[in-house]
């Protein structure tokens, strides 16, 4: 039986005045979602109940509910079996949100991934060799080097000190 991977949002980092939301998906990626683009592609009229999301103040009321983004300030109703109208929050599935998102570039992680790649190549190691020596997987090394995965400090130390044979120092300015 084939297992289907369903994207889920596991953390909401925040929403900004440009109608952009920063999230972390269950694959470890930090991604930006441009809701101005999504709402326009959905044909949302600014005068419709969902159009309230074009207002920065209302847009920023986004919450993480059930692994997707939710706005309970949007007037949206569904009919129950007996015909009664029930108010429900406005939500868009995480699969759609993943499709319309872009990777979020973080200065520190970009530098770490790039630094690991340059050091690995300079040392004449393949990703597979570095993974074996440092006790990780080749795919994990690739994800770190390509800024597609956050890295824990203990794992970073293991890759740098055990895998690359270098000394790790952390400086906060």
N, C-alpha and C. Protein backbone atom coordinates (compact mmCIF):
# COMPACT_ATOMS: atom_id res chain seq x y z
N UNK A 1 0.83 -1.18 0.00
CA UNK A 1 0.00 0.00 0.00
C UNK A 1 0.88 1.25 0.00
N UNK A 2 0.59 2.18 -0.89
CA UNK A 2 1.39 3.40 -1.03
C UNK A 2 0.95 4.41 0.01
N UNK A 3 1.93 4.95 0.72
CA UNK A 3 1.64 5.94 1.74
C UNK A 3 1.66 7.33 1.10
N UNK A 4 0.60 8.09 1.28
CA UNK A 4 0.51 9.42 0.71
C UNK A 4 0.98 10.43 1.76
N UNK A 5 1.93 11.27 1.35
CA UNK A 5 2.44 12.30 2.26
C UNK A 5 1.57 13.54 2.11
N UNK A 6 0.97 13.95 3.20
CA UNK A 6 0.13 15.14 3.20
C UNK A 6 0.89 16.26 3.88
N UNK A 7 1.07 17.39 3.19
CA UNK A 7 1.78 18.50 3.83
C UNK A 7 0.95 19.06 4.98
N UNK A 8 1.64 19.43 6.03
CA UNK A 8 0.97 20.05 7.19
C UNK A 8 1.82 21.23 7.64
N UNK A 9 1.17 22.23 8.12
CA UNK A 9 1.87 23.36 8.70
C UNK A 9 2.00 23.07 10.19
N UNK A 10 3.22 23.12 10.70
CA UNK A 10 3.42 22.81 12.12
C UNK A 10 3.73 24.05 12.96
N UNK A 11 4.03 25.18 12.29
CA UNK A 11 4.29 26.40 13.05
C UNK A 11 3.96 27.61 12.19
N UNK A 12 3.29 28.57 12.81
CA UNK A 12 3.01 29.85 12.19
C UNK A 12 4.01 30.84 12.75
N UNK A 13 4.91 31.33 11.89
CA UNK A 13 5.92 32.28 12.34
C UNK A 13 5.39 33.70 12.40
N UNK A 14 4.41 34.02 11.56
CA UNK A 14 3.83 35.35 11.57
C UNK A 14 3.29 35.78 10.23
N UNK A 15 2.53 36.88 10.27
CA UNK A 15 1.96 37.47 9.07
C UNK A 15 2.42 38.92 9.01
N UNK A 16 2.62 39.43 7.79
CA UNK A 16 3.08 40.82 7.68
C UNK A 16 2.08 41.67 6.91
N UNK A 17 2.40 42.96 6.79
CA UNK A 17 1.51 43.93 6.16
C UNK A 17 1.37 43.72 4.65
N UNK A 18 2.21 42.91 4.05
CA UNK A 18 2.13 42.61 2.62
C UNK A 18 1.26 41.40 2.33
N UNK A 19 0.51 40.94 3.32
CA UNK A 19 -0.35 39.75 3.21
C UNK A 19 0.46 38.50 2.93
N UNK A 20 1.61 38.43 3.56
CA UNK A 20 2.49 37.27 3.45
C UNK A 20 2.57 36.60 4.81
N UNK A 21 2.53 35.27 4.80
CA UNK A 21 2.61 34.49 6.03
C UNK A 21 3.86 33.63 5.98
N UNK A 22 4.58 33.57 7.09
CA UNK A 22 5.75 32.70 7.21
C UNK A 22 5.35 31.50 8.07
N UNK A 23 5.61 30.29 7.54
CA UNK A 23 5.23 29.06 8.23
C UNK A 23 6.35 28.04 8.15
N UNK A 24 6.24 27.00 8.98
CA UNK A 24 7.12 25.84 8.89
C UNK A 24 6.23 24.64 8.57
N UNK A 25 6.58 23.92 7.50
CA UNK A 25 5.85 22.71 7.13
C UNK A 25 6.47 21.50 7.82
N UNK A 26 5.75 20.38 7.83
CA UNK A 26 6.22 19.18 8.52
C UNK A 26 7.45 18.56 7.87
N UNK A 27 7.84 19.04 6.71
CA UNK A 27 9.08 18.55 6.10
C UNK A 27 10.28 19.37 6.57
N UNK A 28 10.05 20.32 7.49
CA UNK A 28 11.12 21.14 8.05
C UNK A 28 11.37 22.44 7.32
N UNK A 29 10.70 22.65 6.20
CA UNK A 29 10.93 23.85 5.42
C UNK A 29 10.19 25.05 5.99
N UNK A 30 10.91 26.17 6.06
CA UNK A 30 10.28 27.46 6.36
C UNK A 30 9.88 28.04 5.01
N UNK A 31 8.60 28.41 4.87
CA UNK A 31 8.11 28.89 3.59
C UNK A 31 7.29 30.16 3.77
N UNK A 32 7.28 30.98 2.73
CA UNK A 32 6.49 32.20 2.69
C UNK A 32 5.30 31.97 1.77
N UNK A 33 4.12 32.41 2.22
CA UNK A 33 2.90 32.25 1.44
C UNK A 33 2.36 33.65 1.13
N UNK A 34 2.27 33.96 -0.16
CA UNK A 34 1.79 35.27 -0.63
C UNK A 34 0.28 35.19 -0.82
N UNK A 35 -0.46 35.68 0.19
CA UNK A 35 -1.93 35.59 0.13
C UNK A 35 -2.55 36.60 -0.81
N UNK A 36 -1.86 37.68 -1.09
CA UNK A 36 -2.38 38.63 -2.08
C UNK A 36 -2.54 37.88 -3.40
N UNK A 37 -1.54 37.10 -3.76
CA UNK A 37 -1.56 36.31 -4.98
C UNK A 37 -2.64 35.22 -4.90
N UNK A 38 -2.70 34.51 -3.79
CA UNK A 38 -3.68 33.42 -3.65
C UNK A 38 -5.10 33.96 -3.73
N UNK A 39 -5.39 35.03 -2.99
CA UNK A 39 -6.75 35.59 -3.00
C UNK A 39 -7.13 36.09 -4.38
N UNK A 40 -6.18 36.71 -5.07
CA UNK A 40 -6.46 37.18 -6.44
C UNK A 40 -6.70 36.01 -7.39
N UNK A 41 -5.90 34.94 -7.27
CA UNK A 41 -6.09 33.76 -8.13
C UNK A 41 -7.41 33.05 -7.83
N UNK A 42 -7.85 33.14 -6.57
CA UNK A 42 -9.14 32.54 -6.21
C UNK A 42 -10.31 33.41 -6.66
N UNK A 43 -10.01 34.61 -7.15
CA UNK A 43 -11.06 35.52 -7.60
C UNK A 43 -11.81 36.16 -6.45
N UNK A 44 -11.15 36.32 -5.31
CA UNK A 44 -11.80 36.93 -4.15
C UNK A 44 -12.01 38.41 -4.42
N UNK A 45 -13.24 38.83 -4.31
CA UNK A 45 -13.61 40.22 -4.48
C UNK A 45 -13.40 40.94 -3.15
N UNK A 46 -12.71 42.09 -3.16
CA UNK A 46 -12.49 42.82 -1.90
C UNK A 46 -13.79 43.19 -1.18
N UNK A 47 -14.90 43.20 -1.90
CA UNK A 47 -16.20 43.53 -1.28
C UNK A 47 -16.91 42.30 -0.71
N UNK A 48 -16.40 41.11 -1.00
CA UNK A 48 -17.03 39.88 -0.50
C UNK A 48 -16.62 39.65 0.95
N UNK A 49 -17.30 38.75 1.66
CA UNK A 49 -16.92 38.46 3.06
C UNK A 49 -15.45 38.05 3.20
N UNK A 50 -14.93 37.28 2.25
CA UNK A 50 -13.53 36.86 2.30
C UNK A 50 -12.59 38.02 1.98
N UNK A 51 -13.12 39.05 1.32
CA UNK A 51 -12.33 40.22 0.98
C UNK A 51 -11.78 40.96 2.18
N UNK A 52 -12.31 40.67 3.37
CA UNK A 52 -11.80 41.27 4.61
C UNK A 52 -10.31 40.97 4.79
N UNK A 53 -9.85 39.88 4.18
CA UNK A 53 -8.44 39.50 4.33
C UNK A 53 -7.49 40.43 3.58
N UNK A 54 -8.01 41.28 2.70
CA UNK A 54 -7.16 42.28 2.05
C UNK A 54 -6.80 43.40 3.04
N UNK A 55 -7.52 43.48 4.16
CA UNK A 55 -7.24 44.45 5.21
C UNK A 55 -6.12 43.87 6.08
N UNK A 56 -5.00 44.59 6.17
CA UNK A 56 -3.82 44.10 6.89
C UNK A 56 -4.14 43.71 8.33
N UNK A 57 -4.92 44.54 9.01
CA UNK A 57 -5.26 44.28 10.41
C UNK A 57 -6.05 42.97 10.55
N UNK A 58 -7.01 42.76 9.67
CA UNK A 58 -7.83 41.55 9.70
C UNK A 58 -7.02 40.33 9.26
N UNK A 59 -6.15 40.52 8.26
CA UNK A 59 -5.32 39.43 7.76
C UNK A 59 -4.41 38.89 8.86
N UNK A 60 -3.88 39.78 9.69
CA UNK A 60 -2.94 39.38 10.74
C UNK A 60 -3.61 38.59 11.87
N UNK A 61 -4.91 38.40 11.83
CA UNK A 61 -5.62 37.60 12.83
C UNK A 61 -5.56 36.10 12.52
N UNK A 62 -4.69 35.73 11.62
CA UNK A 62 -4.53 34.34 11.21
C UNK A 62 -4.08 33.49 12.41
N UNK A 63 -4.59 32.26 12.45
CA UNK A 63 -4.21 31.29 13.49
C UNK A 63 -3.86 29.97 12.82
N UNK A 64 -3.11 29.18 13.55
CA UNK A 64 -2.82 27.82 13.09
C UNK A 64 -3.81 26.89 13.76
N UNK A 65 -4.66 26.25 12.96
CA UNK A 65 -5.67 25.35 13.48
C UNK A 65 -5.65 24.07 12.64
N UNK A 66 -5.46 22.94 13.28
CA UNK A 66 -5.50 21.67 12.54
C UNK A 66 -4.48 21.59 11.43
N UNK A 67 -3.30 22.14 11.63
CA UNK A 67 -2.20 22.09 10.67
C UNK A 67 -2.45 22.86 9.39
N UNK A 68 -3.33 23.84 9.44
CA UNK A 68 -3.50 24.75 8.32
C UNK A 68 -3.82 26.13 8.87
N UNK A 69 -3.87 27.12 8.01
CA UNK A 69 -4.11 28.49 8.44
C UNK A 69 -5.61 28.76 8.47
N UNK A 70 -6.03 29.53 9.45
CA UNK A 70 -7.45 29.74 9.68
C UNK A 70 -7.72 31.18 10.11
N UNK A 71 -8.80 31.74 9.58
CA UNK A 71 -9.27 33.06 9.99
C UNK A 71 -10.71 32.92 10.43
N UNK A 72 -10.98 33.11 11.72
CA UNK A 72 -12.37 33.02 12.19
C UNK A 72 -13.07 34.37 12.11
N UNK A 73 -12.39 35.40 11.63
CA UNK A 73 -12.99 36.72 11.47
C UNK A 73 -13.66 36.89 10.10
N UNK A 74 -13.60 35.87 9.25
CA UNK A 74 -14.26 35.91 7.94
C UNK A 74 -15.66 35.34 8.10
N UNK A 75 -16.66 36.08 7.61
CA UNK A 75 -18.05 35.63 7.69
C UNK A 75 -18.29 34.57 6.62
N UNK A 76 -18.23 33.31 7.02
CA UNK A 76 -18.40 32.20 6.09
C UNK A 76 -19.30 31.18 6.75
N UNK A 77 -20.30 30.68 6.01
CA UNK A 77 -21.27 29.75 6.58
C UNK A 77 -21.42 28.52 5.70
N UNK A 78 -21.74 27.40 6.34
CA UNK A 78 -22.10 26.18 5.63
C UNK A 78 -23.46 25.72 6.14
N UNK A 79 -24.13 24.91 5.36
CA UNK A 79 -25.44 24.39 5.78
C UNK A 79 -25.28 23.04 6.44
N UNK A 80 -25.95 22.86 7.56
CA UNK A 80 -25.95 21.55 8.22
C UNK A 80 -26.97 20.65 7.52
N UNK A 81 -27.06 19.41 7.96
CA UNK A 81 -28.00 18.45 7.36
C UNK A 81 -29.44 18.93 7.46
N UNK A 82 -29.75 19.64 8.55
CA UNK A 82 -31.13 20.11 8.72
C UNK A 82 -31.34 21.51 8.13
N UNK A 83 -30.35 22.01 7.37
CA UNK A 83 -30.49 23.29 6.69
C UNK A 83 -30.09 24.50 7.51
N UNK A 84 -29.65 24.25 8.73
CA UNK A 84 -29.22 25.35 9.60
C UNK A 84 -27.86 25.87 9.14
N UNK A 85 -27.69 27.20 9.13
CA UNK A 85 -26.41 27.79 8.75
C UNK A 85 -25.46 27.81 9.94
N UNK A 86 -24.24 27.34 9.71
CA UNK A 86 -23.23 27.27 10.77
C UNK A 86 -22.03 28.10 10.32
N UNK A 87 -21.58 29.02 11.19
CA UNK A 87 -20.40 29.85 10.88
C UNK A 87 -19.15 28.98 11.01
N UNK A 88 -18.30 29.04 10.00
CA UNK A 88 -17.05 28.28 10.01
C UNK A 88 -15.91 29.24 9.65
N UNK A 89 -14.71 28.95 10.10
CA UNK A 89 -13.57 29.81 9.75
C UNK A 89 -13.17 29.61 8.29
N UNK A 90 -12.53 30.62 7.74
CA UNK A 90 -11.98 30.53 6.39
C UNK A 90 -10.65 29.81 6.48
N UNK A 91 -10.50 28.73 5.73
CA UNK A 91 -9.27 27.95 5.71
C UNK A 91 -8.97 27.53 4.27
N UNK A 92 -7.68 27.39 4.01
CA UNK A 92 -7.22 26.86 2.72
C UNK A 92 -6.33 25.67 3.07
N UNK A 93 -6.50 24.57 2.38
CA UNK A 93 -5.74 23.35 2.68
C UNK A 93 -4.24 23.56 2.58
N UNK A 94 -3.50 22.87 3.45
CA UNK A 94 -2.05 22.98 3.49
C UNK A 94 -1.41 22.56 2.17
N UNK A 95 -2.03 21.63 1.44
CA UNK A 95 -1.48 21.21 0.15
C UNK A 95 -1.47 22.37 -0.84
N UNK A 96 -2.53 23.17 -0.85
CA UNK A 96 -2.61 24.34 -1.72
C UNK A 96 -1.61 25.40 -1.25
N UNK A 97 -1.53 25.58 0.07
CA UNK A 97 -0.61 26.57 0.62
C UNK A 97 0.84 26.22 0.30
N UNK A 98 1.18 24.94 0.35
CA UNK A 98 2.54 24.51 0.00
C UNK A 98 2.81 24.81 -1.48
N UNK A 99 1.83 24.52 -2.32
CA UNK A 99 1.98 24.73 -3.76
C UNK A 99 2.23 26.21 -4.08
N UNK A 100 1.56 27.11 -3.37
CA UNK A 100 1.68 28.54 -3.65
C UNK A 100 2.68 29.25 -2.74
N UNK A 101 3.58 28.50 -2.12
CA UNK A 101 4.56 29.12 -1.24
C UNK A 101 5.95 29.05 -1.86
N UNK A 102 6.85 29.82 -1.27
CA UNK A 102 8.24 29.81 -1.72
C UNK A 102 9.13 29.61 -0.50
N UNK A 103 10.29 28.99 -0.68
CA UNK A 103 11.20 28.81 0.46
C UNK A 103 11.60 30.15 1.06
N UNK A 104 11.64 30.21 2.37
CA UNK A 104 12.07 31.42 3.06
C UNK A 104 13.57 31.34 3.28
N UNK A 105 14.26 32.33 2.81
CA UNK A 105 15.71 32.36 2.96
C UNK A 105 16.05 33.04 4.28
N UNK A 106 16.79 32.34 5.10
CA UNK A 106 17.24 32.88 6.38
C UNK A 106 18.74 33.09 6.29
N UNK A 107 19.19 34.25 6.67
CA UNK A 107 20.61 34.56 6.56
C UNK A 107 21.49 33.54 7.25
N UNK A 108 21.19 33.20 8.50
CA UNK A 108 22.08 32.31 9.25
C UNK A 108 22.09 30.90 8.67
N UNK A 109 20.92 30.35 8.33
CA UNK A 109 20.91 28.98 7.81
C UNK A 109 21.54 28.93 6.42
N UNK A 110 21.34 29.98 5.62
CA UNK A 110 21.93 30.00 4.29
C UNK A 110 23.45 29.98 4.41
N UNK A 111 23.97 30.72 5.35
CA UNK A 111 25.41 30.76 5.54
C UNK A 111 25.91 29.42 6.05
N UNK A 112 25.18 28.78 6.94
CA UNK A 112 25.61 27.49 7.49
C UNK A 112 25.62 26.42 6.41
N UNK A 113 24.55 26.33 5.62
CA UNK A 113 24.49 25.34 4.55
C UNK A 113 25.59 25.55 3.53
N UNK A 114 25.80 26.80 3.15
CA UNK A 114 26.84 27.13 2.18
C UNK A 114 28.23 26.83 2.75
N UNK A 115 28.43 27.15 4.03
CA UNK A 115 29.72 26.90 4.68
C UNK A 115 30.02 25.40 4.76
N UNK A 116 29.01 24.60 5.09
CA UNK A 116 29.20 23.14 5.15
C UNK A 116 29.55 22.61 3.76
N UNK A 117 28.82 23.05 2.72
CA UNK A 117 29.08 22.58 1.36
C UNK A 117 30.51 22.93 0.93
N UNK A 118 30.90 24.19 1.12
CA UNK A 118 32.25 24.62 0.70
C UNK A 118 33.33 23.84 1.44
N UNK A 119 33.14 23.64 2.75
CA UNK A 119 34.13 22.92 3.54
C UNK A 119 34.19 21.45 3.12
N UNK A 120 33.03 20.85 2.87
CA UNK A 120 32.98 19.45 2.43
C UNK A 120 33.71 19.28 1.11
N UNK A 121 33.44 20.16 0.16
CA UNK A 121 34.07 20.07 -1.16
C UNK A 121 35.58 20.30 -1.05
N UNK A 122 35.96 21.29 -0.25
CA UNK A 122 37.38 21.59 -0.05
C UNK A 122 38.10 20.39 0.58
N UNK A 123 37.38 19.65 1.43
CA UNK A 123 37.95 18.46 2.07
C UNK A 123 37.94 17.25 1.14
N UNK A 124 37.33 17.39 -0.04
CA UNK A 124 37.30 16.30 -1.01
C UNK A 124 36.30 15.21 -0.66
N UNK A 125 35.28 15.56 0.09
CA UNK A 125 34.29 14.57 0.52
C UNK A 125 33.00 14.70 -0.29
N UNK A 126 32.34 13.56 -0.49
CA UNK A 126 31.01 13.58 -1.09
C UNK A 126 30.00 13.76 0.05
N UNK A 127 28.77 14.04 -0.30
CA UNK A 127 27.73 14.13 0.72
C UNK A 127 27.57 12.79 1.44
N UNK A 128 27.67 11.71 0.69
CA UNK A 128 27.53 10.38 1.28
C UNK A 128 28.64 10.12 2.29
N UNK A 129 29.88 10.47 1.93
CA UNK A 129 31.01 10.26 2.85
C UNK A 129 30.84 11.09 4.13
N UNK A 130 30.42 12.34 3.98
CA UNK A 130 30.21 13.19 5.15
C UNK A 130 29.09 12.63 6.02
N UNK A 131 28.04 12.15 5.40
CA UNK A 131 26.92 11.56 6.13
C UNK A 131 27.37 10.34 6.94
N UNK A 132 28.14 9.46 6.33
CA UNK A 132 28.61 8.25 7.01
C UNK A 132 29.48 8.59 8.22
N UNK A 133 30.41 9.50 8.02
CA UNK A 133 31.33 9.87 9.11
C UNK A 133 30.62 10.60 10.23
N UNK A 134 29.63 11.42 9.89
CA UNK A 134 28.95 12.22 10.92
C UNK A 134 27.70 11.56 11.48
N UNK A 135 27.32 10.39 10.96
CA UNK A 135 26.18 9.67 11.51
C UNK A 135 24.83 10.23 11.10
N UNK A 136 24.77 10.84 9.91
CA UNK A 136 23.49 11.33 9.38
C UNK A 136 23.24 10.63 8.05
N UNK A 137 22.32 11.15 7.27
CA UNK A 137 22.07 10.57 5.95
C UNK A 137 22.50 11.54 4.86
N UNK A 138 22.73 11.02 3.67
CA UNK A 138 23.11 11.86 2.54
C UNK A 138 22.01 12.86 2.23
N UNK A 139 20.75 12.42 2.30
CA UNK A 139 19.64 13.33 2.01
C UNK A 139 19.57 14.46 3.03
N UNK A 140 19.89 14.16 4.28
CA UNK A 140 19.89 15.21 5.31
C UNK A 140 20.99 16.23 5.02
N UNK A 141 22.18 15.75 4.68
CA UNK A 141 23.29 16.65 4.33
C UNK A 141 22.88 17.53 3.16
N UNK A 142 22.26 16.94 2.16
CA UNK A 142 21.80 17.69 0.99
C UNK A 142 20.80 18.76 1.40
N UNK A 143 19.84 18.39 2.25
CA UNK A 143 18.82 19.35 2.68
C UNK A 143 19.45 20.51 3.45
N UNK A 144 20.41 20.23 4.30
CA UNK A 144 21.08 21.29 5.07
C UNK A 144 21.86 22.20 4.12
N UNK A 145 22.62 21.59 3.21
CA UNK A 145 23.43 22.38 2.28
C UNK A 145 22.57 23.25 1.36
N UNK A 146 21.38 22.79 1.04
CA UNK A 146 20.49 23.52 0.14
C UNK A 146 19.44 24.34 0.88
N UNK A 147 19.65 24.53 2.19
CA UNK A 147 18.75 25.36 3.01
C UNK A 147 17.31 24.88 2.99
N UNK A 148 17.13 23.57 2.95
CA UNK A 148 15.78 23.01 2.95
C UNK A 148 15.45 22.34 4.27
N UNK A 149 16.33 22.50 5.25
CA UNK A 149 16.09 21.90 6.56
C UNK A 149 16.80 22.71 7.63
N UNK A 150 16.11 22.90 8.73
CA UNK A 150 16.77 23.51 9.88
C UNK A 150 17.70 22.47 10.48
N UNK A 151 18.66 22.93 11.24
CA UNK A 151 19.62 21.99 11.82
C UNK A 151 19.74 22.26 13.31
N UNK A 152 19.73 21.19 14.09
CA UNK A 152 19.91 21.33 15.53
C UNK A 152 21.39 21.53 15.82
N UNK A 153 21.65 22.23 16.91
CA UNK A 153 23.02 22.55 17.27
C UNK A 153 23.87 21.29 17.47
N UNK A 154 23.32 20.27 18.12
CA UNK A 154 24.08 19.04 18.36
C UNK A 154 24.43 18.35 17.03
N UNK A 155 23.50 18.37 16.09
CA UNK A 155 23.75 17.77 14.78
C UNK A 155 24.76 18.59 14.00
N UNK A 156 24.66 19.90 14.08
CA UNK A 156 25.62 20.77 13.42
C UNK A 156 27.03 20.50 13.95
N UNK A 157 27.14 20.39 15.26
CA UNK A 157 28.45 20.10 15.88
C UNK A 157 28.99 18.76 15.37
N UNK A 158 28.11 17.75 15.30
CA UNK A 158 28.52 16.42 14.84
C UNK A 158 29.02 16.47 13.39
N UNK A 159 28.33 17.21 12.54
CA UNK A 159 28.73 17.31 11.13
C UNK A 159 30.07 18.04 11.02
N UNK A 160 30.20 19.15 11.73
CA UNK A 160 31.42 19.96 11.61
C UNK A 160 32.61 19.30 12.28
N UNK A 161 32.45 18.88 13.53
CA UNK A 161 33.60 18.36 14.26
C UNK A 161 33.92 16.92 13.93
N UNK A 162 32.91 16.06 13.87
CA UNK A 162 33.15 14.65 13.59
C UNK A 162 33.29 14.40 12.09
N UNK A 163 32.34 14.94 11.32
CA UNK A 163 32.34 14.70 9.88
C UNK A 163 33.42 15.42 9.13
N UNK A 164 33.55 16.73 9.39
CA UNK A 164 34.52 17.54 8.64
C UNK A 164 35.85 17.70 9.35
N UNK A 165 35.91 17.28 10.62
CA UNK A 165 37.15 17.38 11.37
C UNK A 165 37.56 18.81 11.67
N UNK A 166 36.60 19.70 11.75
CA UNK A 166 36.86 21.10 12.03
C UNK A 166 36.38 21.46 13.43
N UNK A 167 36.74 22.63 13.89
CA UNK A 167 36.31 23.11 15.21
C UNK A 167 35.16 24.08 15.01
N UNK A 168 34.11 23.93 15.81
CA UNK A 168 32.96 24.81 15.69
C UNK A 168 33.02 25.87 16.79
N UNK A 169 32.82 27.11 16.39
CA UNK A 169 32.71 28.23 17.32
C UNK A 169 31.47 29.00 16.98
N UNK A 170 30.75 29.48 17.99
CA UNK A 170 29.54 30.26 17.75
C UNK A 170 29.77 31.66 18.30
N UNK A 171 29.43 32.65 17.50
CA UNK A 171 29.60 34.03 17.87
C UNK A 171 28.28 34.75 17.70
N UNK A 172 27.84 35.45 18.72
CA UNK A 172 26.62 36.26 18.64
C UNK A 172 27.05 37.71 18.76
N UNK A 173 26.66 38.52 17.80
CA UNK A 173 27.03 39.93 17.80
C UNK A 173 25.86 40.80 18.10
